[in-house]
């Protein structure tokens, strides 16, 4: 009753070179460098006397102040504006394709998607494909899904539930009559294609006059809303959380808000002797009225997408390079007061833009701490 659907990998190419803003990964790399260096020159705190501070042997080569600010763990990547992921409609009917749509056509519930032997294959809404014919006595969620569509198309006289009754069959006969089909009361497998919403025909995999049968690809399709696709490195997957908001900057510099709808892993085959690579593919839908209006003028376009993995307001921060690895574990900073300095342990929080959130006894806005040259 439906065509099989399969995900088509995002189109390759049409990408600009990726521009990254310094993010947490760079900060962590810097922190790792601090830790490695600290392993050779770790600071031993004086735990006696109750001060909790270790005296430095000499003043640091440079200093900075603890500042209070908002930290945002952000990263900007190149994205491709289009219609989101593409899917394939696969025939389950034996015969000849007698009519196919054109690329760009929008098909809604109850409308013909393509035609086999002069009879229409119809689009209906649902998140799962059909896998068997429906006839009197059939029970299951697929029955309910079909009946909901039948009711939405204006047919009645039956109860929308998981049981295909004789009342359902009578409504189906009326539906078949309206479509010019034989009035059998049974919905054959392949007569209906399910998609979650209206679809836009992306490309044709077969033409009118071609033979078709079970497993024959007919066309690819997308949704009708605009969406942005971004590929991230696997190490940046933390930036993409399903449901999170992102900022999308369009070619005219207009910035709109999008929401991450899907995060999936894509394996790209290597070229020549190169090994396959794994990427994280992120789909971002532009469904707000402002975003729809701003993106309407573009069919396909390169855009910038800013992800925010974390944000901390009004926190104390120091440069990551100010951190010192402590012999007993953890990190500290070298607090400078006049001609003397002491190592003070700190608790670290968010890393962003080369800075880190810190807190601890004696750490306040304006506190002077040591840094490398």
Protein backbone atom coordinates (compact mmCIF):
# COMPACT_ATOMS: atom_id res chain seq x y z
CA UNK A 1 0.00 0.00 0.00
CA UNK A 2 2.94 2.25 0.10
CA UNK A 3 6.30 2.79 -1.40
CA UNK A 4 9.30 1.91 0.64
CA UNK A 5 11.20 4.94 1.83
CA UNK A 6 14.92 5.27 2.32
CA UNK A 7 17.12 8.18 3.39
CA UNK A 8 19.23 9.70 0.62
CA UNK A 9 22.61 11.03 1.87
CA UNK A 10 22.88 14.81 1.83
CA UNK A 11 24.15 16.18 -1.47
CA UNK A 12 27.91 16.53 -1.54
CA UNK A 13 29.64 19.67 -2.66
CA UNK A 14 28.25 23.19 -2.77
CA UNK A 15 30.07 23.93 0.47
CA UNK A 16 32.43 26.72 1.24
CA UNK A 17 35.54 26.12 3.29
CA UNK A 18 34.52 25.80 6.91
CA UNK A 19 35.13 28.77 9.18
CA UNK A 20 35.22 27.97 12.88
CA UNK A 21 35.04 30.23 15.82
CA UNK A 22 37.28 29.20 18.71
CA UNK A 23 35.22 26.96 20.94
CA UNK A 24 35.48 24.53 23.78
CA UNK A 25 37.58 22.07 21.80
CA UNK A 26 40.36 24.66 21.42
CA UNK A 27 40.02 25.55 25.08
CA UNK A 28 40.29 21.93 26.13
CA UNK A 29 43.34 21.49 23.93
CA UNK A 30 44.93 24.45 25.65
CA UNK A 31 43.95 23.01 29.00
CA UNK A 32 45.50 19.68 28.06
CA UNK A 33 48.71 21.51 27.18
CA UNK A 34 48.61 23.19 30.57
CA UNK A 35 48.10 19.83 32.25
CA UNK A 36 50.99 18.24 30.35
CA UNK A 37 53.29 21.09 31.21
CA UNK A 38 52.02 20.99 34.77
CA UNK A 39 52.93 17.33 35.02
CA UNK A 40 56.59 18.29 34.77
CA UNK A 41 56.30 21.39 36.92
CA UNK A 42 53.33 20.73 39.12
CA UNK A 43 52.76 23.05 42.01
CA UNK A 44 52.80 21.46 45.46
CA UNK A 45 50.42 23.29 47.79
CA UNK A 46 51.39 23.94 51.38
CA UNK A 47 48.65 22.08 53.17
CA UNK A 48 50.12 22.81 56.56
CA UNK A 49 49.34 25.93 58.54
CA UNK A 50 45.76 26.06 57.27
CA UNK A 51 46.43 28.63 54.52
CA UNK A 52 45.75 26.23 51.67
CA UNK A 53 48.11 28.22 49.48
CA UNK A 54 51.51 27.35 48.02
CA UNK A 55 54.06 30.15 47.70
CA UNK A 56 55.57 30.72 44.26
CA UNK A 57 59.34 30.82 43.98
CA UNK A 58 59.19 33.90 41.71
CA UNK A 59 56.65 36.30 40.27
CA UNK A 60 55.05 35.23 36.98
CA UNK A 61 56.33 36.79 33.72
CA UNK A 62 52.94 38.41 33.03
CA UNK A 63 49.65 39.03 34.80
CA UNK A 64 45.98 39.57 34.05
CA UNK A 65 42.86 40.22 36.10
CA UNK A 66 39.94 37.98 36.89
CA UNK A 67 37.00 39.41 34.94
CA UNK A 68 33.24 39.00 35.27
CA UNK A 69 31.42 38.31 32.02
CA UNK A 70 29.06 36.05 30.11
CA UNK A 71 30.70 33.02 28.49
CA UNK A 72 29.17 31.39 25.43
CA UNK A 73 30.51 28.15 23.99
CA UNK A 74 29.80 28.91 20.33
CA UNK A 75 30.91 27.64 16.97
CA UNK A 76 30.01 28.89 13.49
CA UNK A 77 29.88 26.45 10.57
CA UNK A 78 28.96 26.58 6.89
CA UNK A 79 25.52 25.22 6.04
CA UNK A 80 23.45 24.56 2.95
CA UNK A 81 19.94 26.03 2.72
CA UNK A 82 17.47 23.83 0.89
CA UNK A 83 14.53 21.60 1.76
CA UNK A 84 16.19 19.24 4.19
CA UNK A 85 16.83 15.51 3.84
CA UNK A 86 15.75 13.72 0.68
CA UNK A 87 13.86 10.40 0.67
CA UNK A 88 13.07 7.86 -2.02
CA UNK A 89 9.64 6.61 -3.07
CA UNK A 90 9.91 3.00 -4.20
CA UNK A 91 7.17 1.25 -6.14
CA UNK A 92 5.46 -1.91 -4.88
CA UNK A 93 3.20 -2.29 -7.93
CA UNK A 94 3.99 -4.29 -11.07
CA UNK A 95 3.36 -2.54 -14.38
CA UNK A 96 4.32 0.51 -16.39
CA UNK A 97 4.73 4.06 -15.16
CA UNK A 98 2.16 6.01 -17.15
CA UNK A 99 2.56 9.37 -15.44
CA UNK A 100 5.15 10.96 -13.14
CA UNK A 101 5.29 14.42 -11.54
CA UNK A 102 7.82 17.15 -12.30
CA UNK A 103 10.66 18.22 -10.05
CA UNK A 104 9.46 20.94 -7.71
CA UNK A 105 5.83 19.76 -7.67
CA UNK A 106 4.16 19.86 -4.25
CA UNK A 107 1.92 16.89 -3.46
CA UNK A 108 -0.60 16.91 -0.60
CA UNK A 109 -2.74 14.28 1.12
CA UNK A 110 -5.07 12.45 -1.24
CA UNK A 111 -3.33 13.68 -4.38
CA UNK A 112 -1.71 11.52 -7.03
CA UNK A 113 2.03 11.04 -6.67
CA UNK A 114 2.53 8.99 -9.82
CA UNK A 115 0.56 6.58 -12.00
CA UNK A 116 0.99 2.85 -12.78
CA UNK A 117 -0.96 1.29 -15.67
CA UNK A 118 -3.23 4.33 -15.72
CA UNK A 119 -4.14 4.09 -12.03
CA UNK A 120 -2.97 6.65 -9.41
CA UNK A 121 -0.63 6.01 -6.52
CA UNK A 122 -1.80 8.36 -3.77
CA UNK A 123 0.01 10.28 -1.03
CA UNK A 124 -1.26 10.02 2.53
CA UNK A 125 0.21 11.26 5.81
CA UNK A 126 1.96 8.97 8.26
CA UNK A 127 5.34 8.41 9.85
CA UNK A 128 5.59 4.72 8.90
CA UNK A 129 5.29 2.97 5.53
CA UNK A 130 2.65 0.36 4.80
CA UNK A 131 3.79 -3.24 4.55
CA UNK A 132 0.67 -5.27 3.69
CA UNK A 133 -2.68 -4.98 1.92
CA UNK A 134 -5.65 -3.90 4.03
CA UNK A 135 -8.88 -5.84 3.88
CA UNK A 136 -11.82 -6.74 6.10
CA UNK A 137 -10.51 -8.40 9.27
CA UNK A 138 -7.07 -6.74 9.20
CA UNK A 139 -6.09 -5.22 12.54
CA UNK A 140 -3.21 -2.99 13.57
CA UNK A 141 -1.84 0.53 13.79
CA UNK A 142 -1.49 0.65 9.99
CA UNK A 143 -5.27 0.29 9.71
CA UNK A 144 -5.79 3.22 12.08
CA UNK A 145 -3.25 5.33 10.17
CA UNK A 146 -5.06 4.71 6.88
CA UNK A 147 -8.49 5.34 8.39
CA UNK A 148 -7.34 8.70 9.82
CA UNK A 149 -6.40 9.77 6.32
CA UNK A 150 -9.64 8.49 4.86
CA UNK A 151 -11.58 10.49 7.46
CA UNK A 152 -9.46 13.62 6.78
CA UNK A 153 -10.33 13.33 3.09
CA UNK A 154 -14.03 13.54 3.93
CA UNK A 155 -15.08 9.89 3.89
CA UNK A 156 -17.23 8.61 6.77
CA UNK A 157 -19.49 5.80 7.94
CA UNK A 158 -16.72 3.97 9.80
CA UNK A 159 -14.90 4.21 13.14
CA UNK A 160 -11.27 5.26 13.16
CA UNK A 161 -9.60 2.47 15.12
CA UNK A 162 -7.26 -0.46 14.56
CA UNK A 163 -9.86 -2.72 12.97
CA UNK A 164 -10.65 -2.81 9.24
CA UNK A 165 -14.36 -3.54 9.17
CA UNK A 166 -16.98 -3.85 6.46
CA UNK A 167 -17.85 -0.20 7.14
CA UNK A 168 -14.25 0.73 6.36
CA UNK A 169 -14.43 -1.33 3.18
CA UNK A 170 -17.53 0.58 2.04
CA UNK A 171 -15.75 3.90 2.55
CA UNK A 172 -12.73 2.53 0.66
CA UNK A 173 -14.98 1.54 -2.26
CA UNK A 174 -16.26 5.10 -2.42
CA UNK A 175 -12.67 6.40 -2.33
CA UNK A 176 -11.67 3.94 -5.08
CA UNK A 177 -14.61 5.03 -7.22
CA UNK A 178 -13.54 8.69 -6.92
CA UNK A 179 -10.02 7.73 -8.01
CA UNK A 180 -11.23 5.66 -10.95
CA UNK A 181 -10.00 2.39 -9.38
CA UNK A 182 -11.76 -0.95 -9.25
CA UNK A 183 -14.12 -0.89 -6.24
CA UNK A 184 -12.74 -3.87 -4.35
CA UNK A 185 -12.89 -2.50 -0.80
CA UNK A 186 -9.31 -3.71 -0.33
CA UNK A 187 -6.33 -1.37 -0.33
CA UNK A 188 -3.56 -3.12 -2.23
CA UNK A 189 0.04 -2.80 -1.14
CA UNK A 190 1.68 -0.01 -3.14
CA UNK A 191 -1.46 2.02 -3.82
CA UNK A 192 -0.59 4.54 -1.10
CA UNK A 193 2.70 6.28 -0.24
CA UNK A 194 2.99 7.58 3.32
CA UNK A 195 4.95 10.72 4.23
CA UNK A 196 4.75 12.77 7.44
CA UNK A 197 3.50 15.90 5.64
CA UNK A 198 3.11 17.44 2.17
CA UNK A 199 6.10 16.68 -0.02
CA UNK A 200 8.10 18.43 -2.71
CA UNK A 201 9.33 16.28 -5.60
CA UNK A 202 13.10 16.59 -5.69
CA UNK A 203 14.12 14.44 -8.65
CA UNK A 204 12.86 11.58 -10.81
CA UNK A 205 14.46 8.14 -10.75
CA UNK A 206 12.24 6.81 -13.56
CA UNK A 207 10.21 8.25 -16.42
CA UNK A 208 6.77 7.68 -17.89
CA UNK A 209 6.90 4.54 -20.01
CA UNK A 210 9.45 2.78 -17.82
CA UNK A 211 8.55 -0.61 -16.37
CA UNK A 212 8.13 -0.72 -12.63
CA UNK A 213 7.81 -3.36 -9.96
CA UNK A 214 8.55 -4.13 -6.35
CA UNK A 215 11.70 -2.27 -5.31
CA UNK A 216 11.83 0.05 -8.35
CA UNK A 217 12.83 3.58 -7.35
CA UNK A 218 10.44 6.14 -8.82
CA UNK A 219 11.41 9.51 -7.35
CA UNK A 220 13.04 11.35 -4.47
CA UNK A 221 11.22 13.92 -2.38
CA UNK A 222 11.70 16.35 0.49
CA UNK A 223 9.45 18.29 2.82
CA UNK A 224 8.10 21.68 1.74
CA UNK A 225 9.64 23.74 4.55
CA UNK A 226 13.07 25.31 4.18
CA UNK A 227 15.85 23.62 6.11
CA UNK A 228 19.59 23.97 6.58
CA UNK A 229 21.96 21.01 6.49
CA UNK A 230 25.33 21.21 8.27
CA UNK A 231 28.13 18.67 8.50
CA UNK A 232 30.13 18.65 11.73
CA UNK A 233 33.22 16.77 12.74
CA UNK A 234 32.45 13.97 15.19
CA UNK A 235 34.47 15.84 17.84
CA UNK A 236 31.98 18.71 17.56
CA UNK A 237 28.85 16.62 18.05
CA UNK A 238 28.26 18.23 21.46
CA UNK A 239 27.34 21.43 19.58
CA UNK A 240 24.28 19.79 18.03
CA UNK A 241 21.48 18.85 20.42
CA UNK A 242 18.10 17.90 19.01
CA UNK A 243 15.60 20.65 19.76
CA UNK A 244 18.26 23.30 20.40
CA UNK A 245 18.02 26.70 18.73
CA UNK A 246 20.71 28.00 16.37
CA UNK A 247 21.30 31.28 14.55
CA UNK A 248 21.27 31.10 10.75
CA UNK A 249 22.78 33.99 8.79
CA UNK A 250 21.43 34.18 5.24
CA UNK A 251 23.36 35.55 2.21
CA UNK A 252 21.85 39.03 2.72
CA UNK A 253 23.20 39.02 6.33
CA UNK A 254 19.73 38.54 7.82
CA UNK A 255 19.93 36.35 10.91
CA UNK A 256 17.00 34.09 11.80
CA UNK A 257 16.45 31.41 14.40
CA UNK A 258 16.24 27.73 13.47
CA UNK A 259 15.75 24.61 15.53
CA UNK A 260 17.75 21.39 15.26
CA UNK A 261 15.40 18.63 14.17
CA UNK A 262 17.73 15.74 13.46
CA UNK A 263 21.30 14.75 14.28
CA UNK A 264 22.63 11.70 12.45
CA UNK A 265 25.94 10.02 11.71
CA UNK A 266 26.94 9.80 8.05
CA UNK A 267 29.84 7.70 6.73
CA UNK A 268 31.39 9.16 3.59
CA UNK A 269 33.39 6.77 1.38
CA UNK A 270 37.00 7.76 0.83
CA UNK A 271 38.33 8.69 -2.59
CA UNK A 272 41.10 6.57 -4.05
CA UNK A 273 43.27 5.27 -1.22
CA UNK A 274 41.65 7.48 1.41
CA UNK A 275 39.78 5.87 4.28
CA UNK A 276 36.07 6.53 4.80
CA UNK A 277 35.27 9.48 7.07
CA UNK A 278 32.51 9.85 9.61
CA UNK A 279 30.59 13.12 9.88
CA UNK A 280 27.70 14.35 11.97
CA UNK A 281 24.88 15.63 9.75
CA UNK A 282 22.58 18.20 11.36
CA UNK A 283 19.19 19.19 9.94
CA UNK A 284 17.80 22.56 11.03
CA UNK A 285 14.25 23.56 10.09
CA UNK A 286 13.26 27.19 9.51
CA UNK A 287 9.61 27.09 10.55
CA UNK A 288 9.02 30.43 12.30
CA UNK A 289 7.14 33.04 10.26
CA UNK A 290 10.17 35.35 10.27
CA UNK A 291 12.52 32.59 9.13
CA UNK A 292 10.12 31.39 6.41
CA UNK A 293 9.73 34.91 5.03
CA UNK A 294 13.46 35.66 5.09
CA UNK A 295 14.42 32.37 3.42
CA UNK A 296 11.61 32.35 0.84
CA UNK A 297 13.71 34.15 -1.79
CA UNK A 298 16.36 31.41 -1.78
CA UNK A 299 15.95 27.95 -3.30
CA UNK A 300 19.48 26.84 -2.51
CA UNK A 301 22.05 29.00 -0.76
CA UNK A 302 25.17 28.85 1.39
CA UNK A 303 24.57 30.13 4.93
CA UNK A 304 26.39 30.45 8.26
CA UNK A 305 25.08 28.54 11.26
CA UNK A 306 26.09 29.46 14.81
CA UNK A 307 25.69 26.68 17.37
CA UNK A 308 25.71 27.37 21.12
CA UNK A 309 26.64 24.39 23.28
CA UNK A 310 26.54 26.27 26.58
CA UNK A 311 26.22 29.69 28.15
CA UNK A 312 27.06 31.08 31.60
CA UNK A 313 26.00 34.57 32.63
CA UNK A 314 27.87 36.87 35.00
CA UNK A 315 30.69 34.47 35.94
CA UNK A 316 34.33 35.00 36.92
CA UNK A 317 36.79 34.07 34.18
CA UNK A 318 40.50 33.90 33.43
CA UNK A 319 42.43 32.95 30.29
CA UNK A 320 42.85 29.16 30.00
CA UNK A 321 46.61 29.73 30.00
CA UNK A 322 46.36 31.10 33.57
CA UNK A 323 45.48 27.64 34.89
CA UNK A 324 48.22 25.72 36.69
CA UNK A 325 48.17 21.94 37.20
CA UNK A 326 48.41 21.11 40.92
CA UNK A 327 50.44 18.19 42.19
CA UNK A 328 47.57 16.77 44.23
CA UNK A 329 45.17 17.05 41.31
CA UNK A 330 42.94 19.72 39.87
CA UNK A 331 43.88 23.22 38.83
CA UNK A 332 44.74 26.52 40.40
CA UNK A 333 45.86 30.03 39.53
CA UNK A 334 48.82 32.05 40.73
CA UNK A 335 47.38 35.01 42.65
CA UNK A 336 49.70 38.02 42.71
CA UNK A 337 49.62 40.58 45.53
CA UNK A 338 52.27 43.22 45.37
CA UNK A 339 55.73 41.60 45.32
CA UNK A 340 54.44 38.16 46.37
CA UNK A 341 52.31 35.47 44.80
CA UNK A 342 50.64 32.25 45.90
CA UNK A 343 48.94 29.35 44.15
CA UNK A 344 45.21 29.13 44.86
CA UNK A 345 43.10 26.09 43.86
CA UNK A 346 40.06 26.84 41.69
CA UNK A 347 37.04 25.00 40.42
CA UNK A 348 36.64 25.27 36.65
CA UNK A 349 33.36 25.62 34.78
CA UNK A 350 32.56 26.48 31.17
CA UNK A 351 35.38 26.87 28.62
CA UNK A 352 34.79 29.28 25.74
CA UNK A 353 36.77 31.61 23.47
CA UNK A 354 40.04 30.82 25.19
CA UNK A 355 38.72 31.61 28.68
CA UNK A 356 37.44 29.47 31.53
CA UNK A 357 34.95 30.01 34.32
CA UNK A 358 36.65 29.81 37.74
CA UNK A 359 35.60 29.99 41.37
CA UNK A 360 37.36 29.47 44.70
CA UNK A 361 38.39 31.04 47.95
CA UNK A 362 40.05 34.40 47.38
CA UNK A 363 38.99 34.58 43.72
CA UNK A 364 37.04 37.76 42.95
CA UNK A 365 36.61 40.26 40.13
CA UNK A 366 39.82 42.19 39.71
CA UNK A 367 42.05 39.60 41.38
CA UNK A 368 45.46 39.66 39.68
CA UNK A 369 46.68 36.27 38.43
CA UNK A 370 49.81 35.15 36.63
CA UNK A 371 49.96 34.18 32.97
CA UNK A 372 52.72 33.08 30.57
CA UNK A 373 54.34 35.66 28.30
